[in-house]
Amino acid sequence: GTRPDCVDNDVLDLLEEVASRTYLAVEYGMQTVHDRSLDWMNRGHHHDSFLDAVQRSRGRGFEVCAHVILGIPGESHDDMMQTAKAIAGLQLDSVKLHNLYAVENTRLADDVLAGKIKLMERDQYVRTLVDFLELLPPQTIVERISGDAPSSYFIGPSWCLDKPGVLRAVEQEFVRRSTWQGKKWG
């Protein structure tokens, strides 16, 4: 896993050489298609860096995965679905999705604890995640659906510490809606 702005052609050439000998997947931190959100997160790059890295990675013999965060402050449901549609259009090998969570000693943690930022509740996250998955191609591998951090410095939301519970809630939402990954793709 790496930032998309950290892979020059020499790095990609090396990854291609490694991929010629063994299985390799490269995971790029996309997070969102919205540059304003990437600026808020202080990522130090914009979405065009991700697109460039993906384009230069194609055909090199390794799989490409995107990391996406749902629930970034200032992003609407439509904004998150724009990210889903962008991922779908790229037809990447895999995606890792997770909710925005806060850890100690960050600006986000300070804002969450001060009540300036509200993290997504589980029900809202599950609905948004299922909406997102409906837009992805059915062949895109979903490697992760939630995230957390060690409890020693984790701030919240606490619901994401129950990974089996999140998975059950997502499965139940699929059944409730009679839907599946890729139902709205294409």
Protein backbone atom coordinates (compact mmCIF):
# COMPACT_ATOMS: atom_id res chain seq x y z
CA GLY A 1 0.00 0.00 0.00
CA THR A 2 1.20 3.48 -0.85
CA ARG A 3 0.17 6.97 -1.76
CA PRO A 4 -0.48 7.39 -5.48
CA ASP A 5 1.93 10.32 -5.70
CA CYS A 6 4.85 8.18 -4.47
CA VAL A 7 5.21 5.81 -7.40
CA ASP A 8 7.45 7.10 -10.12
CA ASN A 9 8.22 4.93 -13.13
CA ASP A 10 11.36 3.48 -11.53
CA VAL A 11 9.24 2.19 -8.63
CA LEU A 12 6.67 0.77 -11.03
CA ASP A 13 9.42 -0.92 -13.05
CA LEU A 14 10.67 -2.59 -9.87
CA LEU A 15 7.14 -3.66 -8.91
CA GLU A 16 6.65 -5.10 -12.39
CA GLU A 17 9.87 -7.10 -12.03
CA VAL A 18 8.71 -8.46 -8.66
CA ALA A 19 5.29 -9.28 -10.13
CA SER A 20 6.97 -11.35 -12.84
CA ARG A 21 8.17 -13.74 -10.11
CA THR A 22 5.29 -13.76 -7.62
CA TYR A 23 1.77 -12.52 -6.94
CA LEU A 24 1.71 -8.79 -6.22
CA ALA A 25 -1.07 -6.32 -5.51
CA VAL A 26 -0.45 -2.61 -5.19
CA GLU A 27 -2.86 -0.65 -3.02
CA TYR A 28 -3.26 3.07 -3.66
CA GLY A 29 -4.80 5.44 -1.13
CA MET A 30 -7.50 7.06 -3.24
CA GLN A 31 -9.84 7.93 -0.32
CA THR A 32 -12.21 10.01 -2.51
CA VAL A 33 -12.51 11.65 -5.92
CA HIS A 34 -13.07 15.04 -4.33
CA ASP A 35 -9.98 17.25 -4.15
CA ARG A 36 -11.59 19.46 -1.49
CA SER A 37 -11.82 16.40 0.79
CA LEU A 38 -8.24 15.38 0.03
CA ASP A 39 -7.21 18.94 0.94
CA TRP A 40 -9.22 18.73 4.19
CA MET A 41 -7.42 15.47 5.00
CA ASN A 42 -4.08 17.11 4.21
CA ARG A 43 -3.22 14.25 1.83
CA GLY A 44 -0.74 16.34 -0.15
CA HIS A 45 -2.09 15.12 -3.51
CA HIS A 46 -5.26 15.32 -5.57
CA HIS A 47 -7.35 12.73 -7.38
CA ASP A 48 -5.42 13.19 -10.62
CA SER A 49 -2.39 11.64 -8.89
CA PHE A 50 -4.44 8.51 -8.24
CA LEU A 51 -5.64 8.34 -11.84
CA ASP A 52 -2.08 8.78 -13.10
CA ALA A 53 -0.73 6.04 -10.82
CA VAL A 54 -3.48 3.63 -11.89
CA GLN A 55 -2.92 4.36 -15.58
CA ARG A 56 0.84 3.84 -15.28
CA SER A 57 0.27 0.62 -13.28
CA ARG A 58 -1.94 -1.09 -15.85
CA GLY A 59 -0.45 -3.95 -17.82
CA ARG A 60 2.50 -4.43 -15.47
CA GLY A 61 1.43 -7.81 -14.16
CA PHE A 62 0.17 -6.81 -10.70
CA GLU A 63 -3.28 -6.16 -9.33
CA VAL A 64 -4.42 -2.66 -8.42
CA CYS A 65 -6.52 -1.89 -5.33
CA ALA A 66 -7.99 1.43 -4.17
CA HIS A 67 -8.53 2.46 -0.55
CA VAL A 68 -11.68 4.54 -0.02
CA ILE A 69 -12.99 6.31 3.09
CA LEU A 70 -16.73 6.88 3.52
CA GLY A 71 -18.01 9.60 5.82
CA ILE A 72 -15.45 12.33 5.20
CA PRO A 73 -16.80 15.60 6.68
CA GLY A 74 -18.38 17.78 4.03
CA GLU A 75 -19.09 14.89 1.66
CA SER A 76 -22.72 14.22 0.88
CA HIS A 77 -24.20 10.86 -0.03
CA ASP A 78 -24.04 11.94 -3.69
CA ASP A 79 -20.35 12.79 -3.29
CA MET A 80 -19.63 9.30 -1.98
CA MET A 81 -21.61 7.75 -4.84
CA GLN A 82 -19.51 9.81 -7.30
CA THR A 83 -16.47 8.08 -5.80
CA ALA A 84 -18.17 4.70 -6.27
CA LYS A 85 -18.93 5.47 -9.91
CA ALA A 86 -15.33 6.56 -10.49
CA ILE A 87 -14.03 3.29 -8.99
CA ALA A 88 -16.52 1.33 -11.09
CA GLY A 89 -15.40 3.10 -14.25
CA LEU A 90 -11.79 2.22 -13.61
CA GLN A 91 -12.64 -1.46 -13.16
CA LEU A 92 -9.91 -2.00 -10.60
CA ASP A 93 -9.09 -5.45 -9.31
CA SER A 94 -10.12 -4.67 -5.74
CA VAL A 95 -11.19 -2.03 -3.27
CA LYS A 96 -10.80 -1.58 0.47
CA LEU A 97 -13.59 0.49 2.01
CA HIS A 98 -13.84 1.84 5.49
CA ASN A 99 -15.60 4.40 7.58
CA LEU A 100 -13.86 7.53 8.78
CA TYR A 101 -12.62 6.94 12.32
CA ALA A 102 -10.64 9.08 14.75
CA VAL A 103 -7.47 8.32 16.68
CA GLU A 104 -5.77 10.26 19.44
CA ASN A 105 -3.45 13.18 18.78
CA THR A 106 -5.05 14.23 15.51
CA ARG A 107 -7.00 17.30 14.46
CA LEU A 108 -9.90 15.00 13.62
CA ALA A 109 -9.93 13.57 17.15
CA ASP A 110 -9.93 17.06 18.61
CA ASP A 111 -12.85 18.06 16.39
CA VAL A 112 -14.81 14.88 17.17
CA LEU A 113 -14.28 15.27 20.93
CA ALA A 114 -15.27 18.96 20.73
CA GLY A 115 -18.46 18.03 18.85
CA LYS A 116 -17.41 19.92 15.70
CA ILE A 117 -17.43 16.76 13.58
CA LYS A 118 -19.87 13.88 13.88
CA LEU A 119 -18.70 10.50 12.64
CA MET A 120 -21.16 8.28 10.76
CA GLU A 121 -23.45 6.08 12.80
CA ARG A 122 -23.43 2.39 11.92
CA ASP A 123 -26.87 2.34 10.27
CA GLN A 124 -25.98 5.29 8.04
CA TYR A 125 -22.64 3.72 7.17
CA VAL A 126 -24.22 0.37 6.31
CA ARG A 127 -26.81 2.00 4.02
CA THR A 128 -24.11 4.09 2.33
CA LEU A 129 -21.79 1.11 1.96
CA VAL A 130 -24.49 -1.02 0.33
CA ASP A 131 -25.35 1.87 -2.02
CA PHE A 132 -21.64 2.06 -2.90
CA LEU A 133 -21.35 -1.68 -3.49
CA GLU A 134 -24.40 -1.73 -5.77
CA LEU A 135 -22.47 0.57 -8.13
CA LEU A 136 -19.28 -1.51 -8.26
CA PRO A 137 -18.70 -4.15 -10.95
CA PRO A 138 -19.55 -7.60 -9.58
CA GLN A 139 -16.02 -8.83 -10.32
CA THR A 140 -14.34 -6.15 -8.19
CA ILE A 141 -13.01 -7.84 -5.07
CA VAL A 142 -14.03 -6.09 -1.87
CA GLU A 143 -11.19 -6.72 0.56
CA ARG A 144 -12.47 -4.67 3.49
CA ILE A 145 -15.75 -3.04 4.52
CA SER A 146 -14.84 -1.27 7.77
CA GLY A 147 -11.85 0.03 9.63
CA ASP A 148 -10.66 0.65 13.15
CA ALA A 149 -7.48 1.19 15.14
CA PRO A 150 -5.99 -0.27 18.33
CA SER A 151 -8.16 0.60 21.32
CA SER A 152 -5.20 2.18 23.12
CA TYR A 153 -5.52 5.26 20.91
CA PHE A 154 -8.89 4.81 19.20
CA ILE A 155 -11.47 7.59 19.68
CA GLY A 156 -14.42 6.34 17.64
CA PRO A 157 -16.91 5.47 16.38
CA SER A 158 -17.12 2.51 18.73
CA TRP A 159 -19.44 0.48 16.49
CA CYS A 160 -16.63 -0.22 14.01
CA LEU A 161 -14.78 -2.25 16.66
CA ASP A 162 -17.45 -4.94 16.17
CA LYS A 163 -16.40 -6.18 12.72
CA PRO A 164 -18.62 -9.29 12.79
CA GLY A 165 -21.57 -7.06 13.72
CA VAL A 166 -20.83 -4.69 10.84
CA LEU A 167 -20.62 -7.62 8.42
CA ARG A 168 -23.94 -9.04 9.69
CA ALA A 169 -25.59 -5.62 9.31
CA VAL A 170 -24.32 -5.30 5.73
CA GLU A 171 -25.52 -8.82 4.86
CA GLN A 172 -28.93 -8.04 6.40
CA GLU A 173 -29.16 -4.81 4.37
CA PHE A 174 -28.44 -6.74 1.17
CA VAL A 175 -31.22 -9.20 2.04
CA ARG A 176 -33.65 -6.46 3.13
CA ARG A 177 -33.22 -4.67 -0.20
CA SER A 178 -32.96 -7.81 -2.34
CA THR A 179 -29.77 -6.36 -3.79
CA TRP A 180 -26.15 -7.29 -4.46
CA GLN A 181 -22.79 -5.89 -5.48
CA GLY A 182 -23.07 -4.70 -9.06
CA LYS A 183 -26.89 -4.48 -9.21
CA LYS A 184 -26.66 -0.87 -10.43
CA TRP A 185 -23.35 -1.14 -12.26
CA GLY A 186 -23.14 -0.17 -15.90
